[in-house]
PDB file of all heavy atoms in Angstrom:
ATOM      1  N   ILE A   1      12.342  12.365 -13.796  1.00  0.00           N
ATOM      2  CA  ILE A   1      12.102  11.676 -12.557  1.00  0.00           C
ATOM      3  C   ILE A   1      10.613  11.565 -12.181  1.00  0.00           C
ATOM      4  O   ILE A   1      10.137  10.460 -11.915  1.00  0.00           O
ATOM      5  CB  ILE A   1      12.892  12.352 -11.370  1.00  0.00           C
ATOM      6  CG1 ILE A   1      14.372  12.164 -11.616  1.00  0.00           C
ATOM      7  CG2 ILE A   1      12.486  11.755 -10.026  1.00  0.00           C
ATOM      8  CD1 ILE A   1      15.292  12.809 -10.578  1.00  0.00           C
ATOM      9  N   PRO A   2       9.823  12.667 -12.299  1.00  0.00           N
ATOM     10  CA  PRO A   2       8.407  12.482 -12.085  1.00  0.00           C
ATOM     11  C   PRO A   2       7.788  11.501 -13.062  1.00  0.00           C
ATOM     12  O   PRO A   2       6.842  10.767 -12.752  1.00  0.00           O
ATOM     13  CB  PRO A   2       7.819  13.901 -12.342  1.00  0.00           C
ATOM     14  CG  PRO A   2       8.938  14.797 -12.055  1.00  0.00           C
ATOM     15  CD  PRO A   2      10.154  14.069 -12.511  1.00  0.00           C
ATOM     16  N   GLY A   3       8.292  11.439 -14.297  1.00  0.00           N
ATOM     17  CA  GLY A   3       7.821  10.523 -15.295  1.00  0.00           C
ATOM     18  C   GLY A   3       8.002   9.076 -14.867  1.00  0.00           C
ATOM     19  O   GLY A   3       7.085   8.247 -14.918  1.00  0.00           O
ATOM     20  N   ILE A   4       9.204   8.715 -14.445  1.00  0.00           N
ATOM     21  CA  ILE A   4       9.500   7.361 -13.936  1.00  0.00           C
ATOM     22  C   ILE A   4       8.639   7.046 -12.747  1.00  0.00           C
ATOM     23  O   ILE A   4       8.089   5.945 -12.586  1.00  0.00           O
ATOM     24  CB  ILE A   4      10.971   7.226 -13.576  1.00  0.00           C
ATOM     25  CG1 ILE A   4      11.908   7.266 -14.833  1.00  0.00           C
ATOM     26  CG2 ILE A   4      11.250   5.935 -12.763  1.00  0.00           C
ATOM     27  CD1 ILE A   4      11.766   6.005 -15.673  1.00  0.00           C
ATOM     28  N   CYS A   5       8.501   8.014 -11.820  1.00  0.00           N
ATOM     29  CA  CYS A   5       7.776   7.749 -10.573  1.00  0.00           C
ATOM     30  C   CYS A   5       6.266   7.578 -10.861  1.00  0.00           C
ATOM     31  O   CYS A   5       5.601   6.820 -10.145  1.00  0.00           O
ATOM     32  CB  CYS A   5       7.993   8.906  -9.584  1.00  0.00           C
ATOM     33  SG  CYS A   5       9.648   8.951  -8.873  1.00  0.00           S
ATOM     34  N   LEU A   6       5.731   8.272 -11.857  1.00  0.00           N
ATOM     35  CA  LEU A   6       4.334   8.075 -12.222  1.00  0.00           C
ATOM     36  C   LEU A   6       4.053   6.696 -12.732  1.00  0.00           C
ATOM     37  O   LEU A   6       3.032   6.089 -12.498  1.00  0.00           O
ATOM     38  CB  LEU A   6       3.890   9.145 -13.270  1.00  0.00           C
ATOM     39  CG  LEU A   6       3.563  10.530 -12.687  1.00  0.00           C
ATOM     40  CD1 LEU A   6       3.577  11.589 -13.809  1.00  0.00           C
ATOM     41  CD2 LEU A   6       2.262  10.561 -11.927  1.00  0.00           C
ATOM     42  N   ILE A   7       5.024   6.124 -13.448  1.00  0.00           N
ATOM     43  CA  ILE A   7       4.916   4.721 -13.975  1.00  0.00           C
ATOM     44  C   ILE A   7       4.950   3.759 -12.794  1.00  0.00           C
ATOM     45  O   ILE A   7       4.203   2.773 -12.775  1.00  0.00           O
ATOM     46  CB  ILE A   7       6.066   4.418 -14.972  1.00  0.00           C
ATOM     47  CG1 ILE A   7       5.833   5.273 -16.255  1.00  0.00           C
ATOM     48  CG2 ILE A   7       6.098   2.939 -15.274  1.00  0.00           C
ATOM     49  CD1 ILE A   7       7.015   5.182 -17.239  1.00  0.00           C
ATOM     50  N   ILE A   8       5.785   4.092 -11.754  1.00  0.00           N
ATOM     51  CA  ILE A   8       5.837   3.216 -10.560  1.00  0.00           C
ATOM     52  C   ILE A   8       4.470   3.287  -9.863  1.00  0.00           C
ATOM     53  O   ILE A   8       3.968   2.251  -9.377  1.00  0.00           O
ATOM     54  CB  ILE A   8       6.932   3.711  -9.616  1.00  0.00           C
ATOM     55  CG1 ILE A   8       8.314   3.411 -10.234  1.00  0.00           C
ATOM     56  CG2 ILE A   8       6.854   2.997  -8.218  1.00  0.00           C
ATOM     57  CD1 ILE A   8       9.487   4.037  -9.477  1.00  0.00           C
ATOM     58  N   THR A   9       3.874   4.484  -9.802  1.00  0.00           N
ATOM     59  CA  THR A   9       2.553   4.691  -9.182  1.00  0.00           C
ATOM     60  C   THR A   9       1.514   3.815  -9.899  1.00  0.00           C
ATOM     61  O   THR A   9       0.680   3.174  -9.305  1.00  0.00           O
ATOM     62  CB  THR A   9       2.152   6.156  -9.211  1.00  0.00           C
ATOM     63  OG1 THR A   9       3.010   6.917  -8.345  1.00  0.00           O
ATOM     64  CG2 THR A   9       0.677   6.356  -8.736  1.00  0.00           C
ATOM     65  N   ALA A  10       1.594   3.796 -11.245  1.00  0.00           N
ATOM     66  CA  ALA A  10       0.690   2.978 -12.044  1.00  0.00           C
ATOM     67  C   ALA A  10       0.742   1.513 -11.626  1.00  0.00           C
ATOM     68  O   ALA A  10      -0.251   0.827 -11.505  1.00  0.00           O
ATOM     69  CB  ALA A  10       0.987   3.144 -13.498  1.00  0.00           C
ATOM     70  N   GLY A  11       1.972   1.048 -11.367  1.00  0.00           N
ATOM     71  CA  GLY A  11       2.169  -0.378 -10.965  1.00  0.00           C
ATOM     72  C   GLY A  11       1.547  -0.598  -9.580  1.00  0.00           C
ATOM     73  O   GLY A  11       0.899  -1.628  -9.334  1.00  0.00           O
ATOM     74  N   LEU A  12       1.790   0.333  -8.635  1.00  0.00           N
ATOM     75  CA  LEU A  12       1.226   0.214  -7.282  1.00  0.00           C
ATOM     76  C   LEU A  12      -0.263   0.134  -7.259  1.00  0.00           C
ATOM     77  O   LEU A  12      -0.897  -0.651  -6.544  1.00  0.00           O
ATOM     78  CB  LEU A  12       1.718   1.367  -6.404  1.00  0.00           C
ATOM     79  CG  LEU A  12       3.221   1.349  -6.042  1.00  0.00           C
ATOM     80  CD1 LEU A  12       3.559   2.665  -5.338  1.00  0.00           C
ATOM     81  CD2 LEU A  12       3.557   0.182  -5.185  1.00  0.00           C
ATOM     82  N   LEU A  13      -0.927   1.017  -8.081  1.00  0.00           N
ATOM     83  CA  LEU A  13      -2.366   1.051  -8.169  1.00  0.00           C
ATOM     84  C   LEU A  13      -2.948  -0.260  -8.720  1.00  0.00           C
ATOM     85  O   LEU A  13      -4.004  -0.737  -8.268  1.00  0.00           O
ATOM     86  CB  LEU A  13      -2.839   2.245  -9.014  1.00  0.00           C
ATOM     87  CG  LEU A  13      -2.407   3.611  -8.509  1.00  0.00           C
ATOM     88  CD1 LEU A  13      -2.945   4.707  -9.436  1.00  0.00           C
ATOM     89  CD2 LEU A  13      -2.928   3.856  -7.127  1.00  0.00           C
ATOM     90  N   THR A  14      -2.243  -0.800  -9.707  1.00  0.00           N
ATOM     91  CA  THR A  14      -2.699  -2.073 -10.302  1.00  0.00           C
ATOM     92  C   THR A  14      -2.619  -3.197  -9.249  1.00  0.00           C
ATOM     93  O   THR A  14      -3.577  -4.037  -9.129  1.00  0.00           O
ATOM     94  CB  THR A  14      -1.804  -2.438 -11.516  1.00  0.00           C
ATOM     95  OG1 THR A  14      -1.866  -1.379 -12.462  1.00  0.00           O
ATOM     96  CG2 THR A  14      -2.295  -3.698 -12.166  1.00  0.00           C
ATOM     97  N   ILE A  15      -1.517  -3.214  -8.494  1.00  0.00           N
ATOM     98  CA  ILE A  15      -1.375  -4.160  -7.405  1.00  0.00           C
ATOM     99  C   ILE A  15      -2.536  -4.070  -6.411  1.00  0.00           C
ATOM    100  O   ILE A  15      -3.106  -5.068  -5.946  1.00  0.00           O
ATOM    101  CB  ILE A  15      -0.032  -4.013  -6.686  1.00  0.00           C
ATOM    102  CG1 ILE A  15       1.126  -4.435  -7.639  1.00  0.00           C
ATOM    103  CG2 ILE A  15       0.003  -4.811  -5.382  1.00  0.00           C
ATOM    104  CD1 ILE A  15       2.508  -4.049  -7.115  1.00  0.00           C
ATOM    105  N   CYS A  16      -2.904  -2.828  -6.035  1.00  0.00           N
ATOM    106  CA  CYS A  16      -3.942  -2.592  -5.057  1.00  0.00           C
ATOM    107  C   CYS A  16      -5.269  -3.151  -5.562  1.00  0.00           C
ATOM    108  O   CYS A  16      -6.044  -3.762  -4.784  1.00  0.00           O
ATOM    109  CB  CYS A  16      -4.065  -1.104  -4.777  1.00  0.00           C
ATOM    110  SG  CYS A  16      -5.260  -0.701  -3.463  1.00  0.00           S
ATOM    111  N   ASP A  17      -5.589  -2.936  -6.832  1.00  0.00           N
ATOM    112  CA  ASP A  17      -6.836  -3.421  -7.369  1.00  0.00           C
ATOM    113  C   ASP A  17      -6.982  -4.926  -7.295  1.00  0.00           C
ATOM    114  O   ASP A  17      -8.081  -5.447  -7.049  1.00  0.00           O
ATOM    115  CB  ASP A  17      -6.986  -2.958  -8.842  1.00  0.00           C
ATOM    116  CG  ASP A  17      -7.963  -1.812  -9.055  1.00  0.00           C
ATOM    117  OD1 ASP A  17      -8.424  -1.287  -8.010  1.00  0.00           O
ATOM    118  OD2 ASP A  17      -8.185  -1.421 -10.157  1.00  0.00           O
ATOM    119  N   TYR A  18      -5.871  -5.636  -7.553  1.00  0.00           N
ATOM    120  CA  TYR A  18      -5.926  -7.129  -7.582  1.00  0.00           C
ATOM    121  C   TYR A  18      -5.628  -7.730  -6.227  1.00  0.00           C
ATOM    122  O   TYR A  18      -5.686  -8.965  -6.078  1.00  0.00           O
ATOM    123  CB  TYR A  18      -4.919  -7.600  -8.585  1.00  0.00           C
ATOM    124  CG  TYR A  18      -5.407  -7.367 -10.026  1.00  0.00           C
ATOM    125  CD1 TYR A  18      -4.980  -6.254 -10.751  1.00  0.00           C
ATOM    126  CD2 TYR A  18      -6.344  -8.249 -10.638  1.00  0.00           C
ATOM    127  CE1 TYR A  18      -5.450  -6.016 -12.014  1.00  0.00           C
ATOM    128  CE2 TYR A  18      -6.838  -7.978 -11.904  1.00  0.00           C
ATOM    129  CZ  TYR A  18      -6.375  -6.871 -12.611  1.00  0.00           C
ATOM    130  OH  TYR A  18      -6.836  -6.638 -13.889  1.00  0.00           O
ATOM    131  N   ALA A  19      -5.262  -6.918  -5.210  1.00  0.00           N
ATOM    132  CA  ALA A  19      -4.952  -7.438  -3.884  1.00  0.00           C
ATOM    133  C   ALA A  19      -6.243  -7.960  -3.201  1.00  0.00           C
ATOM    134  O   ALA A  19      -7.314  -7.398  -3.409  1.00  0.00           O
ATOM    135  CB  ALA A  19      -4.289  -6.394  -3.015  1.00  0.00           C
ATOM    136  N   LYS A  20      -6.085  -8.966  -2.387  1.00  0.00           N
ATOM    137  CA  LYS A  20      -7.210  -9.509  -1.598  1.00  0.00           C
ATOM    138  C   LYS A  20      -7.681  -8.483  -0.591  1.00  0.00           C
ATOM    139  O   LYS A  20      -6.887  -7.855   0.088  1.00  0.00           O
ATOM    140  CB  LYS A  20      -6.739 -10.789  -0.917  1.00  0.00           C
ATOM    141  CG  LYS A  20      -7.894 -11.495  -0.149  1.00  0.00           C
ATOM    142  CD  LYS A  20      -7.323 -12.726   0.534  1.00  0.00           C
ATOM    143  CE  LYS A  20      -8.405 -13.398   1.369  1.00  0.00           C
ATOM    144  NZ  LYS A  20      -7.848 -14.581   2.119  1.00  0.00           N
ATOM    145  N   SER A  21      -9.003  -8.346  -0.465  1.00  0.00           N
ATOM    146  CA  SER A  21      -9.568  -7.400   0.498  1.00  0.00           C
ATOM    147  C   SER A  21      -9.401  -7.940   1.899  1.00  0.00           C
ATOM    148  O   SER A  21      -9.591  -9.163   2.175  1.00  0.00           O
ATOM    149  CB  SER A  21     -11.041  -7.209   0.234  1.00  0.00           C
ATOM    150  OG  SER A  21     -11.269  -6.531  -0.946  1.00  0.00           O
ATOM    151  N   GLY A  22      -8.964  -7.076   2.818  1.00  0.00           N
ATOM    152  CA  GLY A  22      -8.734  -7.513   4.224  1.00  0.00           C
ATOM    153  C   GLY A  22      -9.925  -7.135   5.099  1.00  0.00           C
ATOM    154  O   GLY A  22     -10.882  -6.540   4.626  1.00  0.00           O
ATOM    155  N   ILE A  23      -9.750  -7.414   6.367  1.00  0.00           N
ATOM    156  CA  ILE A  23     -10.798  -7.139   7.396  1.00  0.00           C
ATOM    157  C   ILE A  23     -10.283  -6.273   8.514  1.00  0.00           C
ATOM    158  O   ILE A  23     -11.047  -5.896   9.414  1.00  0.00           O
ATOM    159  CB  ILE A  23     -11.410  -8.418   7.921  1.00  0.00           C
ATOM    160  CG1 ILE A  23     -10.303  -9.268   8.603  1.00  0.00           C
ATOM    161  CG2 ILE A  23     -12.157  -9.201   6.881  1.00  0.00           C
ATOM    162  CD1 ILE A  23     -10.811 -10.411   9.444  1.00  0.00           C
ATOM    163  N   LYS A  24      -8.991  -5.976   8.519  1.00  0.00           N
ATOM    164  CA  LYS A  24      -8.390  -5.269   9.627  1.00  0.00           C
ATOM    165  C   LYS A  24      -8.883  -3.831   9.745  1.00  0.00           C
ATOM    166  O   LYS A  24      -8.965  -3.094   8.770  1.00  0.00           O
ATOM    167  CB  LYS A  24      -6.882  -5.222   9.525  1.00  0.00           C
ATOM    168  CG  LYS A  24      -6.168  -6.530   9.732  1.00  0.00           C
ATOM    169  CD  LYS A  24      -4.670  -6.336   9.665  1.00  0.00           C
ATOM    170  CE  LYS A  24      -3.920  -7.632   9.778  1.00  0.00           C
ATOM    171  NZ  LYS A  24      -2.427  -7.416   9.632  1.00  0.00           N
ATOM    172  N   LYS A  25      -9.230  -3.431  11.019  1.00  0.00           N
ATOM    173  CA  LYS A  25      -9.439  -2.025  11.366  1.00  0.00           C
ATOM    174  C   LYS A  25      -8.478  -1.726  12.460  1.00  0.00           C
ATOM    175  O   LYS A  25      -7.454  -2.461  12.606  1.00  0.00           O
ATOM    176  CB  LYS A  25     -10.903  -1.796  11.707  1.00  0.00           C
ATOM    177  CG  LYS A  25     -11.832  -1.961  10.499  1.00  0.00           C
ATOM    178  CD  LYS A  25     -13.282  -1.553  10.863  1.00  0.00           C
ATOM    179  CE  LYS A  25     -14.146  -1.737   9.620  1.00  0.00           C
ATOM    180  NZ  LYS A  25     -15.574  -1.355   9.917  1.00  0.00           N
ATOM    181  N   VAL A  26      -8.725  -0.743  13.267  1.00  0.00           N
ATOM    182  CA  VAL A  26      -7.752  -0.371  14.297  1.00  0.00           C
ATOM    183  C   VAL A  26      -7.467  -1.529  15.270  1.00  0.00           C
ATOM    184  O   VAL A  26      -6.300  -1.805  15.577  1.00  0.00           O
ATOM    185  CB  VAL A  26      -8.258   0.883  15.161  1.00  0.00           C
ATOM    186  CG1 VAL A  26      -7.291   1.204  16.228  1.00  0.00           C
ATOM    187  CG2 VAL A  26      -8.447   2.030  14.238  1.00  0.00           C
ATOM    188  N   LYS A  27      -8.510  -2.201  15.743  1.00  0.00           N
ATOM    189  CA  LYS A  27      -8.334  -3.268  16.740  1.00  0.00           C
ATOM    190  C   LYS A  27      -7.467  -4.434  16.253  1.00  0.00           C
ATOM    191  O   LYS A  27      -6.632  -4.975  16.999  1.00  0.00           O
ATOM    192  CB  LYS A  27      -9.692  -3.784  17.209  1.00  0.00           C
ATOM    193  CG  LYS A  27     -10.440  -2.865  18.138  1.00  0.00           C
ATOM    194  CD  LYS A  27     -11.710  -3.533  18.585  1.00  0.00           C
ATOM    195  CE  LYS A  27     -12.495  -2.608  19.551  1.00  0.00           C
ATOM    196  NZ  LYS A  27     -13.775  -3.221  20.044  1.00  0.00           N
ATOM    197  N   GLN A  28      -7.640  -4.804  14.960  1.00  0.00           N
ATOM    198  CA  GLN A  28      -6.915  -5.911  14.440  1.00  0.00           C
ATOM    199  C   GLN A  28      -5.513  -5.586  13.892  1.00  0.00           C
ATOM    200  O   GLN A  28      -4.652  -6.434  13.745  1.00  0.00           O
ATOM    201  CB  GLN A  28      -7.696  -6.582  13.310  1.00  0.00           C
ATOM    202  CG  GLN A  28      -9.049  -7.157  13.725  1.00  0.00           C
ATOM    203  CD  GLN A  28     -10.147  -6.164  13.768  1.00  0.00           C
ATOM    204  OE1 GLN A  28      -9.993  -5.029  13.295  1.00  0.00           O
ATOM    205  NE2 GLN A  28     -11.271  -6.521  14.405  1.00  0.00           N
ATOM    206  N   ALA A  29      -5.286  -4.296  13.570  1.00  0.00           N
ATOM    207  CA  ALA A  29      -3.999  -3.851  12.970  1.00  0.00           C
ATOM    208  C   ALA A  29      -2.893  -3.911  13.990  1.00  0.00           C
ATOM    209  O   ALA A  29      -3.136  -3.716  15.200  1.00  0.00           O
ATOM    210  CB  ALA A  29      -4.204  -2.441  12.403  1.00  0.00           C
ATOM    211  N   SER A  30      -1.695  -4.090  13.484  1.00  0.00           N
ATOM    212  CA  SER A  30      -0.494  -4.123  14.382  1.00  0.00           C
ATOM    213  C   SER A  30       0.339  -2.839  14.149  1.00  0.00           C
ATOM    214  O   SER A  30       0.204  -2.153  13.147  1.00  0.00           O
ATOM    215  CB  SER A  30       0.356  -5.324  14.095  1.00  0.00           C
ATOM    216  OG  SER A  30       0.966  -5.229  12.780  1.00  0.00           O
ATOM    217  N   TYR A  31       1.221  -2.573  15.099  1.00  0.00           N
ATOM    218  CA  TYR A  31       2.117  -1.455  14.995  1.00  0.00           C
ATOM    219  C   TYR A  31       3.169  -1.684  13.892  1.00  0.00           C
ATOM    220  O   TYR A  31       3.643  -0.737  13.332  1.00  0.00           O
ATOM    221  CB  TYR A  31       2.810  -1.144  16.340  1.00  0.00           C
ATOM    222  CG  TYR A  31       1.831  -0.745  17.382  1.00  0.00           C
ATOM    223  CD1 TYR A  31       1.717  -1.475  18.605  1.00  0.00           C
ATOM    224  CD2 TYR A  31       0.957   0.316  17.192  1.00  0.00           C
ATOM    225  CE1 TYR A  31       0.787  -1.091  19.583  1.00  0.00           C
ATOM    226  CE2 TYR A  31       0.020   0.700  18.165  1.00  0.00           C
ATOM    227  CZ  TYR A  31      -0.050  -0.019  19.371  1.00  0.00           C
ATOM    228  OH  TYR A  31      -0.979   0.380  20.307  1.00  0.00           O
ATOM    229  N   ALA A  32       3.426  -2.955  13.629  1.00  0.00           N
ATOM    230  CA  ALA A  32       4.321  -3.296  12.492  1.00  0.00           C
ATOM    231  C   ALA A  32       3.716  -2.853  11.193  1.00  0.00           C
ATOM    232  O   ALA A  32       4.368  -2.351  10.288  1.00  0.00           O
ATOM    233  CB  ALA A  32       4.627  -4.800  12.500  1.00  0.00           C
ATOM    234  N   ASN A  33       2.389  -3.139  11.039  1.00  0.00           N
ATOM    235  CA  ASN A  33       1.641  -2.645   9.875  1.00  0.00           C
ATOM    236  C   ASN A  33       1.806  -1.153   9.732  1.00  0.00           C
ATOM    237  O   ASN A  33       2.064  -0.625   8.632  1.00  0.00           O
ATOM    238  CB  ASN A  33       0.145  -3.016  10.003  1.00  0.00           C
ATOM    239  CG  ASN A  33      -0.202  -4.427   9.939  1.00  0.00           C
ATOM    240  OD1 ASN A  33      -1.157  -4.881  10.570  1.00  0.00           O
ATOM    241  ND2 ASN A  33       0.607  -5.236   9.217  1.00  0.00           N
ATOM    242  N   ALA A  34       1.642  -0.426  10.823  1.00  0.00           N
ATOM    243  CA  ALA A  34       1.716   1.018  10.788  1.00  0.00           C
ATOM    244  C   ALA A  34       3.103   1.537  10.385  1.00  0.00           C
ATOM    245  O   ALA A  34       3.240   2.476   9.623  1.00  0.00           O
ATOM    246  CB  ALA A  34       1.325   1.574  12.191  1.00  0.00           C
ATOM    247  N   PHE A  35       4.134   0.831  10.824  1.00  0.00           N
ATOM    248  CA  PHE A  35       5.517   1.215  10.532  1.00  0.00           C
ATOM    249  C   PHE A  35       5.772   1.029   9.041  1.00  0.00           C
ATOM    250  O   PHE A  35       6.387   1.893   8.394  1.00  0.00           O
ATOM    251  CB  PHE A  35       6.486   0.369  11.345  1.00  0.00           C
ATOM    252  CG  PHE A  35       7.906   0.844  11.251  1.00  0.00           C
ATOM    253  CD1 PHE A  35       8.312   1.972  11.987  1.00  0.00           C
ATOM    254  CD2 PHE A  35       8.849   0.215  10.472  1.00  0.00           C
ATOM    255  CE1 PHE A  35       9.653   2.415  11.908  1.00  0.00           C
ATOM    256  CE2 PHE A  35      10.137   0.640  10.372  1.00  0.00           C
ATOM    257  CZ  PHE A  35      10.552   1.748  11.103  1.00  0.00           C
ATOM    258  N   ILE A  36       5.343  -0.097   8.491  1.00  0.00           N
ATOM    259  CA  ILE A  36       5.569  -0.347   7.054  1.00  0.00           C
ATOM    260  C   ILE A  36       4.812   0.655   6.207  1.00  0.00           C
ATOM    261  O   ILE A  36       5.362   1.178   5.181  1.00  0.00           O
ATOM    262  CB  ILE A  36       5.071  -1.812   6.732  1.00  0.00           C
ATOM    263  CG1 ILE A  36       6.006  -2.830   7.332  1.00  0.00           C
ATOM    264  CG2 ILE A  36       4.991  -1.987   5.186  1.00  0.00           C
ATOM    265  CD1 ILE A  36       5.481  -4.230   7.343  1.00  0.00           C
ATOM    266  N   ILE A  37       3.610   1.026   6.584  1.00  0.00           N
ATOM    267  CA  ILE A  37       2.844   2.060   5.869  1.00  0.00           C
ATOM    268  C   ILE A  37       3.553   3.396   5.945  1.00  0.00           C
ATOM    269  O   ILE A  37       3.574   4.163   4.971  1.00  0.00           O
ATOM    270  CB  ILE A  37       1.394   2.185   6.458  1.00  0.00           C
ATOM    271  CG1 ILE A  37       0.605   0.858   6.142  1.00  0.00           C
ATOM    272  CG2 ILE A  37       0.693   3.365   5.904  1.00  0.00           C
ATOM    273  CD1 ILE A  37      -0.574   0.678   7.007  1.00  0.00           C
ATOM    274  N   GLY A  38       4.183   3.695   7.083  1.00  0.00           N
ATOM    275  CA  GLY A  38       4.953   4.940   7.229  1.00  0.00           C
ATOM    276  C   GLY A  38       6.157   4.982   6.302  1.00  0.00           C
ATOM    277  O   GLY A  38       6.453   6.022   5.726  1.00  0.00           O
ATOM    278  N   ILE A  39       6.834   3.834   6.122  1.00  0.00           N
ATOM    279  CA  ILE A  39       7.954   3.760   5.193  1.00  0.00           C
ATOM    280  C   ILE A  39       7.461   4.025   3.770  1.00  0.00           C
ATOM    281  O   ILE A  39       8.084   4.757   2.993  1.00  0.00           O
ATOM    282  CB  ILE A  39       8.661   2.351   5.275  1.00  0.00           C
ATOM    283  CG1 ILE A  39       9.330   2.180   6.654  1.00  0.00           C
ATOM    284  CG2 ILE A  39       9.636   2.186   4.140  1.00  0.00           C
ATOM    285  CD1 ILE A  39       9.889   0.804   6.863  1.00  0.00           C
ATOM    286  N   ALA A  40       6.324   3.382   3.426  1.00  0.00           N
ATOM    287  CA  ALA A  40       5.763   3.582   2.077  1.00  0.00           C
ATOM    288  C   ALA A  40       5.448   5.070   1.858  1.00  0.00           C
ATOM    289  O   ALA A  40       5.707   5.613   0.812  1.00  0.00           O
ATOM    290  CB  ALA A  40       4.477   2.753   1.951  1.00  0.00           C
TER     291      ALA A  40
END
């Protein structure tokens, strides 16, 4: 199980590298953003 999950982590990190950079900080962020991050 840790083996499979580490491979999933590798995929997430790759996605992060290629994702577009945002500009949101506290003022621009929404509570929906916060909820999704909490699920993650």
